[in-house]
Amino acid sequence: MKWRIDPACPAQIGMILLFWLAGSWLGSSLHLPFPASVPGLALLLLALAAGWLPARHIERGAAWLLARMLVFFVPAVLAVLDHPEFIGALGLKILFVIVAGTVLVMTVTLAVVQLVRRES
């Protein structure tokens, strides 16, 4: 895996982090019941949709972060190694619930999007 970074990426990654920090501040100030990344992403989406922030200003930084996303999940994988019971039948049951829940959420989301598109 190449870790060479485009010269524009640090500034773009910094901009994405600013939205995350703004979401974190907003979430803690309003005592929102979900992680800071949710209002941060909502703010970023609003800025992109309204045209206040052109996508080209964060595109390469976001692509760089997405390409290395697996690194961000290493702690979760290591947590599984601390609990060997997840590797047996219990782990398969949990995996089934995760996959079934994901498929259900994606199916309902698809149905809602199609319904909204037909209505508009």
Protein backbone atom coordinates (compact mmCIF):
# COMPACT_ATOMS: atom_id res chain seq x y z
CA MET A 1 0.00 0.00 0.00
CA LYS A 2 1.39 3.36 -0.98
CA TRP A 3 1.36 5.95 1.77
CA ARG A 4 2.54 8.76 -0.48
CA ILE A 5 0.17 11.65 -0.05
CA ASP A 6 -0.91 14.24 -2.59
CA PRO A 7 0.28 17.74 -1.51
CA ALA A 8 -3.33 18.95 -1.45
CA CYS A 9 -4.51 16.12 0.80
CA PRO A 10 -3.41 17.44 4.22
CA ALA A 11 -5.41 20.64 3.78
CA GLN A 12 -8.40 18.70 2.48
CA ILE A 13 -8.21 16.16 5.29
CA GLY A 14 -7.93 19.09 7.71
CA MET A 15 -11.09 20.58 6.27
CA ILE A 16 -12.92 17.27 6.75
CA LEU A 17 -11.63 17.16 10.33
CA LEU A 18 -12.93 20.71 10.91
CA PHE A 19 -16.41 19.51 9.98
CA TRP A 20 -15.97 16.60 12.37
CA LEU A 21 -14.87 18.98 15.14
CA ALA A 22 -17.84 21.26 14.45
CA GLY A 23 -20.14 18.24 14.64
CA SER A 24 -18.49 17.15 17.87
CA TRP A 25 -18.97 20.58 19.39
CA LEU A 26 -22.58 20.71 18.16
CA GLY A 27 -23.31 17.22 19.47
CA SER A 28 -21.91 17.91 22.92
CA SER A 29 -23.51 21.37 23.15
CA LEU A 30 -26.96 20.08 22.24
CA HIS A 31 -26.50 16.76 24.09
CA LEU A 32 -27.35 14.82 20.94
CA PRO A 33 -27.78 11.06 21.46
CA PHE A 34 -25.50 9.99 18.60
CA PRO A 35 -21.80 10.20 17.74
CA ALA A 36 -20.13 13.47 16.80
CA SER A 37 -19.47 12.22 13.30
CA VAL A 38 -23.20 12.27 12.47
CA PRO A 39 -23.79 16.03 12.85
CA GLY A 40 -20.34 16.61 11.34
CA LEU A 41 -21.27 14.63 8.25
CA ALA A 42 -24.63 16.39 8.14
CA LEU A 43 -22.85 19.76 8.18
CA LEU A 44 -20.49 18.60 5.44
CA LEU A 45 -23.42 17.35 3.35
CA LEU A 46 -25.24 20.65 3.85
CA ALA A 47 -22.15 22.62 2.80
CA LEU A 48 -21.73 20.46 -0.30
CA ALA A 49 -25.42 20.49 -1.25
CA ALA A 50 -25.76 24.25 -0.77
CA GLY A 51 -22.67 24.90 -2.86
CA TRP A 52 -20.82 26.60 -0.01
CA LEU A 53 -18.06 24.01 -0.31
CA PRO A 54 -17.20 22.71 -3.78
CA ALA A 55 -16.54 18.95 -3.79
CA ARG A 56 -13.14 19.51 -5.41
CA HIS A 57 -11.97 21.15 -2.17
CA ILE A 58 -12.22 17.86 -0.26
CA GLU A 59 -12.25 15.24 -3.03
CA ARG A 60 -8.63 14.07 -2.92
CA GLY A 61 -8.45 14.12 0.87
CA ALA A 62 -11.65 12.09 1.16
CA ALA A 63 -10.40 9.61 -1.44
CA TRP A 64 -7.14 9.21 0.48
CA LEU A 65 -9.01 8.56 3.75
CA LEU A 66 -11.38 6.09 2.09
CA ALA A 67 -8.49 4.19 0.53
CA ARG A 68 -7.02 3.64 4.01
CA MET A 69 -10.28 2.97 5.83
CA LEU A 70 -9.21 -0.54 6.87
CA VAL A 71 -6.55 0.98 9.13
CA PHE A 72 -9.29 2.74 11.11
CA PHE A 73 -10.97 -0.62 11.83
CA VAL A 74 -7.88 -2.42 13.17
CA PRO A 75 -8.89 -1.75 16.82
CA ALA A 76 -12.25 -3.45 16.21
CA VAL A 77 -10.53 -6.50 14.72
CA LEU A 78 -8.14 -6.66 17.68
CA ALA A 79 -11.11 -6.52 20.06
CA VAL A 80 -12.48 -9.68 18.43
CA LEU A 81 -9.17 -11.41 19.17
CA ASP A 82 -9.64 -10.59 22.86
CA HIS A 83 -12.95 -12.50 22.82
CA PRO A 84 -12.37 -15.97 21.33
CA GLU A 85 -16.05 -16.84 21.82
CA PHE A 86 -16.80 -14.68 18.76
CA ILE A 87 -14.83 -17.04 16.54
CA GLY A 88 -17.23 -19.99 17.10
CA ALA A 89 -20.98 -20.43 16.79
CA LEU A 90 -21.73 -17.20 18.66
CA GLY A 91 -19.66 -15.27 16.15
CA LEU A 92 -21.61 -16.82 13.26
CA LYS A 93 -24.90 -15.86 14.91
CA ILE A 94 -23.70 -12.30 15.39
CA LEU A 95 -22.43 -12.18 11.81
CA PHE A 96 -25.83 -13.38 10.57
CA VAL A 97 -27.61 -10.68 12.57
CA ILE A 98 -25.23 -8.01 11.23
CA VAL A 99 -25.64 -9.15 7.61
CA ALA A 100 -29.43 -9.56 7.91
CA GLY A 101 -29.75 -6.15 9.59
CA THR A 102 -27.62 -4.51 6.89
CA VAL A 103 -29.67 -6.10 4.11
CA LEU A 104 -32.90 -5.05 5.85
CA VAL A 105 -31.73 -1.44 6.29
CA MET A 106 -30.54 -1.25 2.67
CA THR A 107 -33.83 -2.71 1.40
CA VAL A 108 -35.96 -0.29 3.41
CA THR A 109 -33.73 2.61 2.33
CA LEU A 110 -34.12 1.58 -1.31
CA ALA A 111 -37.90 1.38 -0.94
CA VAL A 112 -38.07 4.83 0.70
CA VAL A 113 -35.83 6.41 -1.94
CA GLN A 114 -37.91 4.91 -4.75
CA LEU A 115 -41.12 6.10 -3.08
CA VAL A 116 -39.76 9.63 -2.65
CA ARG A 117 -38.53 9.74 -6.26
CA ARG A 118 -41.97 8.67 -7.52
CA GLU A 119 -43.67 11.31 -5.39
CA SER A 120 -41.49 14.16 -6.66
